Protein backbone atom coordinates (compact mmCIF):
# COMPACT_ATOMS: atom_id res chain seq x y z
CA UNK A 1 -5.69 32.18 28.57
CA UNK A 2 -6.67 30.14 31.61
CA UNK A 3 -5.38 31.29 35.00
CA UNK A 4 -5.16 29.45 38.31
CA UNK A 5 -4.63 31.46 41.48
CA UNK A 6 -2.63 30.27 44.48
CA UNK A 7 -5.77 30.64 46.59
CA UNK A 8 -9.39 31.50 45.87
CA UNK A 9 -9.96 33.80 48.86
CA UNK A 10 -11.20 37.38 48.46
CA UNK A 11 -7.81 39.07 48.97
CA UNK A 12 -6.11 36.91 46.34
CA UNK A 13 -8.91 37.39 43.83
CA UNK A 14 -9.07 41.14 44.48
CA UNK A 15 -5.31 41.48 43.96
CA UNK A 16 -5.52 39.69 40.61
CA UNK A 17 -8.56 41.67 39.46
CA UNK A 18 -6.91 44.98 40.35
CA UNK A 19 -3.76 44.02 38.42
CA UNK A 20 -5.75 42.90 35.35
CA UNK A 21 -7.78 46.11 35.28
CA UNK A 22 -4.52 48.01 34.72
CA UNK A 23 -3.51 45.91 31.68
CA UNK A 24 -4.95 47.17 28.37
CA UNK A 25 -3.89 43.93 26.63
CA UNK A 26 -6.56 42.08 28.63
CA UNK A 27 -9.82 42.72 26.78
CA UNK A 28 -11.93 40.16 28.68
CA UNK A 29 -11.66 38.60 32.13
CA UNK A 30 -14.15 36.09 33.54
CA UNK A 31 -14.26 34.35 36.91
CA UNK A 32 -14.88 30.70 36.13
CA UNK A 33 -16.54 27.73 37.76
CA UNK A 34 -14.69 24.57 36.86
CA UNK A 35 -11.08 23.70 36.15
CA UNK A 36 -9.46 27.18 36.12
CA UNK A 37 -10.15 30.24 38.26
CA UNK A 38 -10.20 32.87 35.53
CA UNK A 39 -10.43 33.04 31.76
CA UNK A 40 -8.76 35.94 29.98
CA UNK A 41 -8.77 37.13 26.41
CA UNK A 42 -5.52 38.92 25.66
CA UNK A 43 -4.51 40.80 22.51
CA UNK A 44 -0.92 41.15 21.36
CA UNK A 45 0.84 42.02 18.12
CA UNK A 46 2.32 38.53 17.76
CA UNK A 47 3.28 35.45 19.79
CA UNK A 48 6.55 37.00 20.97
CA UNK A 49 4.72 40.09 22.26
CA UNK A 50 2.21 37.80 23.96
CA UNK A 51 5.03 35.80 25.57
CA UNK A 52 6.63 39.00 26.91
CA UNK A 53 3.25 40.16 28.25
CA UNK A 54 2.64 36.83 29.98
CA UNK A 55 6.06 36.78 31.64
CA UNK A 56 6.19 40.45 32.59
CA UNK A 57 2.62 40.99 33.73
CA UNK A 58 0.86 37.73 34.60
CA UNK A 59 3.21 35.02 35.76
CA UNK A 60 5.13 37.61 37.79
CA UNK A 61 2.04 38.28 39.96
CA UNK A 62 2.52 36.68 43.36
CA UNK A 63 -1.10 35.45 43.43
CA UNK A 64 -0.83 33.48 40.16
CA UNK A 65 -0.09 29.78 40.46
CA UNK A 66 -0.36 28.69 36.83
CA UNK A 67 -1.24 29.98 33.37
CA UNK A 68 -2.24 27.98 30.29
CA UNK A 69 -2.44 29.55 26.87
CA UNK A 70 -4.83 28.51 24.15
CA UNK A 71 -4.01 29.86 20.69
CA UNK A 72 -6.85 29.69 18.16
CA UNK A 73 -5.74 28.45 14.76
CA UNK A 74 -8.87 29.25 12.77
CA UNK A 75 -12.07 31.17 13.42
CA UNK A 76 -15.01 28.99 12.42
CA UNK A 77 -17.86 31.12 13.71
CA UNK A 78 -18.21 34.32 15.71
CA UNK A 79 -21.57 35.95 16.14
CA UNK A 80 -23.42 38.13 18.61
CA UNK A 81 -26.79 37.25 17.09
CA UNK A 82 -29.08 35.34 19.45
CA UNK A 83 -31.51 32.77 18.03
CA UNK A 84 -34.55 34.14 19.90
C-alpha cells in the first residue's frame, strides 16, 4: 500500500507513524523518496477485511491525503539470500 500524507512536516509524519505503530495489521512501514510518502505492507484475512482495515484505520486518519493499494497476483521470487 502506498500512502501520501497531506503534508510532509515532522508533526504530520509523527502522527502517522504513531498511528501505524498501533496497528498489528501493518507488518512493514517505510518512509519513501519518490512518488509516495510511505510504503506499507498490510496483512488481512481477505480483501474485504483489508478494505475494512483501510477505511477504518488509514483513510480515516486526518493526516492521510491518499492511499493506493497494490495487490500481488503471483509470487515469482522471494528470498533473503544476498549474492555476496
